[in-house]
Amino acid sequence: MSFMQRIAAVARDIDSGADEFASIDPHDLARALGVEQPEKPATGWNFSSYAEKTSVEEQADNRGSVEGFVDHLKGKLPEARFKELKSRFNALEESGE
């Protein structure tokens, strides 16, 4: 299948909603469609990621738990503050809130 035929096939798949190509790794599919470096397609492009800022309570609602959440803060806060938060998170977990 030529390069242009591959692009047309993927476009038809998307338009039809058949999702035949959905099981292919997106980077592999991009390479098959001529994007040589899909992680950074051109000079001057930088990888970016973002996270929506949410409260701990929203995180708990979304994840069903805050277990282990505070551990991501270790080394990023003064040790006393980390211990305080760890204690508060443990109390939250124990209370089931």
N, C-alpha and C. Protein backbone atom coordinates (compact mmCIF):
# COMPACT_ATOMS: atom_id res chain seq x y z
N MET A 1 0.86 -1.17 0.00
CA MET A 1 0.00 0.00 0.00
C MET A 1 0.91 1.23 0.00
N SER A 2 0.63 2.16 -0.89
CA SER A 2 1.46 3.37 -0.96
C SER A 2 1.19 4.26 0.25
N PHE A 3 2.08 5.23 0.41
CA PHE A 3 1.96 6.19 1.50
C PHE A 3 0.59 6.88 1.47
N MET A 4 0.20 7.39 0.31
CA MET A 4 -1.07 8.10 0.18
C MET A 4 -2.26 7.15 0.41
N GLN A 5 -2.15 5.91 0.00
CA GLN A 5 -3.21 4.93 0.25
C GLN A 5 -3.36 4.65 1.74
N ARG A 6 -2.23 4.60 2.46
CA ARG A 6 -2.30 4.40 3.91
C ARG A 6 -3.01 5.56 4.58
N ILE A 7 -2.67 6.78 4.20
CA ILE A 7 -3.33 7.95 4.78
C ILE A 7 -4.83 7.91 4.47
N ALA A 8 -5.18 7.60 3.24
CA ALA A 8 -6.60 7.53 2.85
C ALA A 8 -7.32 6.44 3.63
N ALA A 9 -6.67 5.31 3.83
CA ALA A 9 -7.30 4.20 4.57
C ALA A 9 -7.57 4.61 6.02
N VAL A 10 -6.62 5.26 6.64
CA VAL A 10 -6.81 5.71 8.02
C VAL A 10 -7.90 6.77 8.08
N ALA A 11 -7.92 7.69 7.12
CA ALA A 11 -8.96 8.73 7.09
C ALA A 11 -10.35 8.09 6.94
N ARG A 12 -10.48 7.10 6.06
CA ARG A 12 -11.77 6.40 5.90
C ARG A 12 -12.17 5.71 7.19
N ASP A 13 -11.19 5.10 7.84
CA ASP A 13 -11.45 4.40 9.10
C ASP A 13 -11.97 5.37 10.16
N ILE A 14 -11.35 6.52 10.25
CA ILE A 14 -11.78 7.53 11.23
C ILE A 14 -13.17 8.03 10.89
N ASP A 15 -13.39 8.36 9.61
CA ASP A 15 -14.69 8.88 9.19
C ASP A 15 -15.82 7.87 9.41
N SER A 16 -15.52 6.60 9.22
CA SER A 16 -16.56 5.57 9.36
C SER A 16 -16.82 5.18 10.81
N GLY A 17 -15.86 5.47 11.68
CA GLY A 17 -15.99 5.07 13.08
C GLY A 17 -15.69 3.60 13.30
N ALA A 18 -15.15 2.93 12.30
CA ALA A 18 -14.87 1.50 12.41
C ALA A 18 -13.72 1.21 13.38
N ASP A 19 -12.81 2.14 13.51
CA ASP A 19 -11.68 2.02 14.44
C ASP A 19 -10.82 0.78 14.20
N GLU A 20 -10.64 0.43 12.94
CA GLU A 20 -9.80 -0.73 12.62
C GLU A 20 -8.35 -0.50 13.03
N PHE A 21 -7.91 0.73 13.03
CA PHE A 21 -6.52 1.03 13.34
C PHE A 21 -6.31 1.39 14.81
N ALA A 22 -7.38 1.38 15.58
CA ALA A 22 -7.30 1.81 16.99
C ALA A 22 -6.38 0.93 17.83
N SER A 23 -6.21 -0.31 17.44
CA SER A 23 -5.38 -1.22 18.24
C SER A 23 -3.88 -1.05 17.95
N ILE A 24 -3.54 -0.28 16.93
CA ILE A 24 -2.13 -0.05 16.59
C ILE A 24 -1.58 1.05 17.48
N ASP A 25 -0.39 0.84 18.01
CA ASP A 25 0.27 1.85 18.83
C ASP A 25 0.31 3.16 18.04
N PRO A 26 -0.10 4.27 18.65
CA PRO A 26 -0.16 5.54 17.91
C PRO A 26 1.16 5.97 17.28
N HIS A 27 2.28 5.69 17.96
CA HIS A 27 3.58 6.07 17.39
C HIS A 27 3.91 5.19 16.19
N ASP A 28 3.57 3.90 16.26
CA ASP A 28 3.80 3.02 15.12
C ASP A 28 2.94 3.45 13.93
N LEU A 29 1.70 3.80 14.20
CA LEU A 29 0.81 4.25 13.13
C LEU A 29 1.34 5.55 12.52
N ALA A 30 1.80 6.47 13.36
CA ALA A 30 2.35 7.72 12.84
C ALA A 30 3.55 7.45 11.94
N ARG A 31 4.42 6.55 12.36
CA ARG A 31 5.58 6.20 11.52
C ARG A 31 5.13 5.61 10.19
N ALA A 32 4.10 4.76 10.22
CA ALA A 32 3.58 4.16 8.98
C ALA A 32 2.98 5.22 8.06
N LEU A 33 2.57 6.35 8.64
CA LEU A 33 1.99 7.43 7.85
C LEU A 33 3.01 8.51 7.50
N GLY A 34 4.28 8.20 7.76
CA GLY A 34 5.34 9.10 7.33
C GLY A 34 5.84 10.08 8.36
N VAL A 35 5.36 9.99 9.59
CA VAL A 35 5.89 10.86 10.64
C VAL A 35 7.07 10.11 11.25
N GLU A 36 8.27 10.52 10.86
CA GLU A 36 9.47 9.77 11.23
C GLU A 36 9.76 9.77 12.72
N GLN A 37 9.43 10.84 13.39
CA GLN A 37 9.72 10.95 14.81
C GLN A 37 8.45 11.46 15.49
N PRO A 38 7.44 10.60 15.68
CA PRO A 38 6.14 11.07 16.16
C PRO A 38 6.18 11.71 17.55
N GLU A 39 7.19 11.36 18.34
CA GLU A 39 7.28 11.96 19.67
C GLU A 39 7.68 13.44 19.58
N LYS A 40 8.38 13.80 18.51
CA LYS A 40 8.84 15.17 18.28
C LYS A 40 8.94 15.36 16.77
N PRO A 41 7.80 15.63 16.10
CA PRO A 41 7.73 15.55 14.64
C PRO A 41 8.60 16.52 13.85
N ALA A 42 9.06 17.60 14.42
CA ALA A 42 9.86 18.54 13.63
C ALA A 42 10.82 19.29 14.54
N THR A 43 11.83 19.85 13.95
CA THR A 43 12.78 20.67 14.69
C THR A 43 12.03 21.81 15.36
N GLY A 44 12.36 22.07 16.59
CA GLY A 44 11.71 23.16 17.30
C GLY A 44 10.48 22.74 18.09
N TRP A 45 10.03 21.51 17.89
CA TRP A 45 8.88 21.02 18.65
C TRP A 45 9.40 20.46 19.96
N ASN A 46 8.76 20.78 21.03
CA ASN A 46 9.11 20.23 22.32
C ASN A 46 7.95 19.45 22.88
N PHE A 47 8.25 18.40 23.60
CA PHE A 47 7.21 17.59 24.23
C PHE A 47 6.62 18.37 25.39
N SER A 48 5.32 18.40 25.46
CA SER A 48 4.64 19.09 26.55
C SER A 48 3.61 18.16 27.17
N SER A 49 3.44 18.30 28.44
CA SER A 49 2.37 17.59 29.11
C SER A 49 1.78 18.53 30.14
N TYR A 50 0.59 18.23 30.55
CA TYR A 50 -0.04 19.07 31.54
C TYR A 50 -0.94 18.22 32.42
N ALA A 51 -1.25 18.76 33.54
CA ALA A 51 -2.19 18.12 34.45
C ALA A 51 -3.12 19.21 34.96
N GLU A 52 -4.36 18.87 35.04
CA GLU A 52 -5.31 19.83 35.57
C GLU A 52 -5.14 19.90 37.08
N LYS A 53 -5.06 21.11 37.59
CA LYS A 53 -4.88 21.30 39.02
C LYS A 53 -6.20 21.00 39.72
N THR A 54 -6.16 20.06 40.66
CA THR A 54 -7.35 19.69 41.41
C THR A 54 -6.98 19.57 42.88
N SER A 55 -7.98 19.62 43.71
CA SER A 55 -7.75 19.47 45.14
C SER A 55 -7.55 18.00 45.48
N VAL A 56 -7.05 17.76 46.66
CA VAL A 56 -6.87 16.39 47.13
C VAL A 56 -8.24 15.69 47.20
N GLU A 57 -9.25 16.45 47.61
CA GLU A 57 -10.60 15.87 47.71
C GLU A 57 -11.10 15.43 46.33
N GLU A 58 -10.85 16.25 45.31
CA GLU A 58 -11.25 15.88 43.94
C GLU A 58 -10.47 14.65 43.47
N GLN A 59 -9.19 14.60 43.82
CA GLN A 59 -8.39 13.43 43.47
C GLN A 59 -8.97 12.17 44.12
N ALA A 60 -9.34 12.29 45.38
CA ALA A 60 -9.91 11.14 46.09
C ALA A 60 -11.22 10.72 45.45
N ASP A 61 -12.06 11.70 45.07
CA ASP A 61 -13.33 11.38 44.41
C ASP A 61 -13.08 10.67 43.08
N ASN A 62 -12.11 11.15 42.32
CA ASN A 62 -11.82 10.58 41.00
C ASN A 62 -11.15 9.21 41.08
N ARG A 63 -10.28 9.06 42.05
CA ARG A 63 -9.50 7.82 42.16
C ARG A 63 -10.10 6.85 43.17
N GLY A 64 -11.02 7.34 44.00
CA GLY A 64 -11.61 6.48 45.02
C GLY A 64 -10.77 6.36 46.27
N SER A 65 -9.59 6.98 46.25
CA SER A 65 -8.70 6.88 47.40
C SER A 65 -7.57 7.89 47.24
N VAL A 66 -6.98 8.26 48.34
CA VAL A 66 -5.78 9.08 48.30
C VAL A 66 -4.56 8.28 48.75
N GLU A 67 -4.75 6.99 48.88
CA GLU A 67 -3.67 6.11 49.33
C GLU A 67 -2.46 6.27 48.43
N GLY A 68 -1.34 6.52 49.02
CA GLY A 68 -0.10 6.66 48.27
C GLY A 68 0.11 8.02 47.64
N PHE A 69 -0.93 8.83 47.61
CA PHE A 69 -0.83 10.14 46.96
C PHE A 69 0.25 11.01 47.61
N VAL A 70 0.25 11.04 48.92
CA VAL A 70 1.20 11.89 49.64
C VAL A 70 2.64 11.45 49.41
N ASP A 71 2.86 10.20 49.10
CA ASP A 71 4.22 9.71 48.89
C ASP A 71 4.91 10.39 47.71
N HIS A 72 4.13 10.92 46.78
CA HIS A 72 4.71 11.66 45.65
C HIS A 72 5.34 12.97 46.09
N LEU A 73 5.03 13.41 47.30
CA LEU A 73 5.55 14.68 47.79
C LEU A 73 6.88 14.54 48.53
N LYS A 74 7.26 13.31 48.85
CA LYS A 74 8.50 13.08 49.60
C LYS A 74 9.69 13.64 48.82
N GLY A 75 10.49 14.42 49.53
CA GLY A 75 11.65 15.04 48.91
C GLY A 75 11.35 16.36 48.23
N LYS A 76 10.08 16.68 48.09
CA LYS A 76 9.68 17.93 47.45
C LYS A 76 9.23 18.97 48.47
N LEU A 77 9.11 18.52 49.72
CA LEU A 77 8.69 19.38 50.83
C LEU A 77 9.68 19.23 51.97
N PRO A 78 9.72 20.20 52.86
CA PRO A 78 10.53 19.99 54.06
C PRO A 78 10.04 18.74 54.80
N GLU A 79 10.94 18.01 55.40
CA GLU A 79 10.61 16.73 56.04
C GLU A 79 9.49 16.87 57.07
N ALA A 80 9.50 17.94 57.86
CA ALA A 80 8.46 18.13 58.88
C ALA A 80 7.08 18.26 58.23
N ARG A 81 7.01 19.01 57.13
CA ARG A 81 5.72 19.19 56.44
C ARG A 81 5.26 17.88 55.83
N PHE A 82 6.20 17.13 55.25
CA PHE A 82 5.85 15.84 54.68
C PHE A 82 5.28 14.91 55.75
N LYS A 83 5.92 14.85 56.91
CA LYS A 83 5.45 13.98 57.99
C LYS A 83 4.06 14.40 58.46
N GLU A 84 3.83 15.71 58.54
CA GLU A 84 2.51 16.22 58.94
C GLU A 84 1.44 15.77 57.93
N LEU A 85 1.74 15.95 56.65
CA LEU A 85 0.77 15.56 55.62
C LEU A 85 0.56 14.05 55.60
N LYS A 86 1.62 13.31 55.78
CA LYS A 86 1.53 11.84 55.80
C LYS A 86 0.60 11.41 56.93
N SER A 87 0.76 12.03 58.09
CA SER A 87 -0.09 11.72 59.23
C SER A 87 -1.55 12.05 58.94
N ARG A 88 -1.78 13.20 58.31
CA ARG A 88 -3.15 13.61 57.99
C ARG A 88 -3.76 12.69 56.93
N PHE A 89 -2.99 12.29 55.94
CA PHE A 89 -3.50 11.37 54.92
C PHE A 89 -3.84 10.02 55.53
N ASN A 90 -2.97 9.54 56.42
CA ASN A 90 -3.24 8.27 57.09
C ASN A 90 -4.53 8.34 57.89
N ALA A 91 -4.75 9.46 58.59
CA ALA A 91 -5.97 9.63 59.37
C ALA A 91 -7.19 9.66 58.43
N LEU A 92 -7.05 10.32 57.29
CA LEU A 92 -8.14 10.34 56.31
C LEU A 92 -8.48 8.93 55.82
N GLU A 93 -7.44 8.18 55.49
CA GLU A 93 -7.65 6.80 55.01
C GLU A 93 -8.33 5.94 56.07
N GLU A 94 -7.89 6.08 57.31
CA GLU A 94 -8.45 5.28 58.40
C GLU A 94 -9.91 5.64 58.67
N SER A 95 -10.25 6.91 58.48
CA SER A 95 -11.62 7.35 58.74
C SER A 95 -12.57 6.95 57.60
N GLY A 96 -12.00 6.63 56.45
CA GLY A 96 -12.83 6.22 55.31
C GLY A 96 -13.45 7.39 54.57
N GLU A 97 -13.06 8.60 54.88
CA GLU A 97 -13.62 9.78 54.19
C GLU A 97 -12.98 9.98 52.86
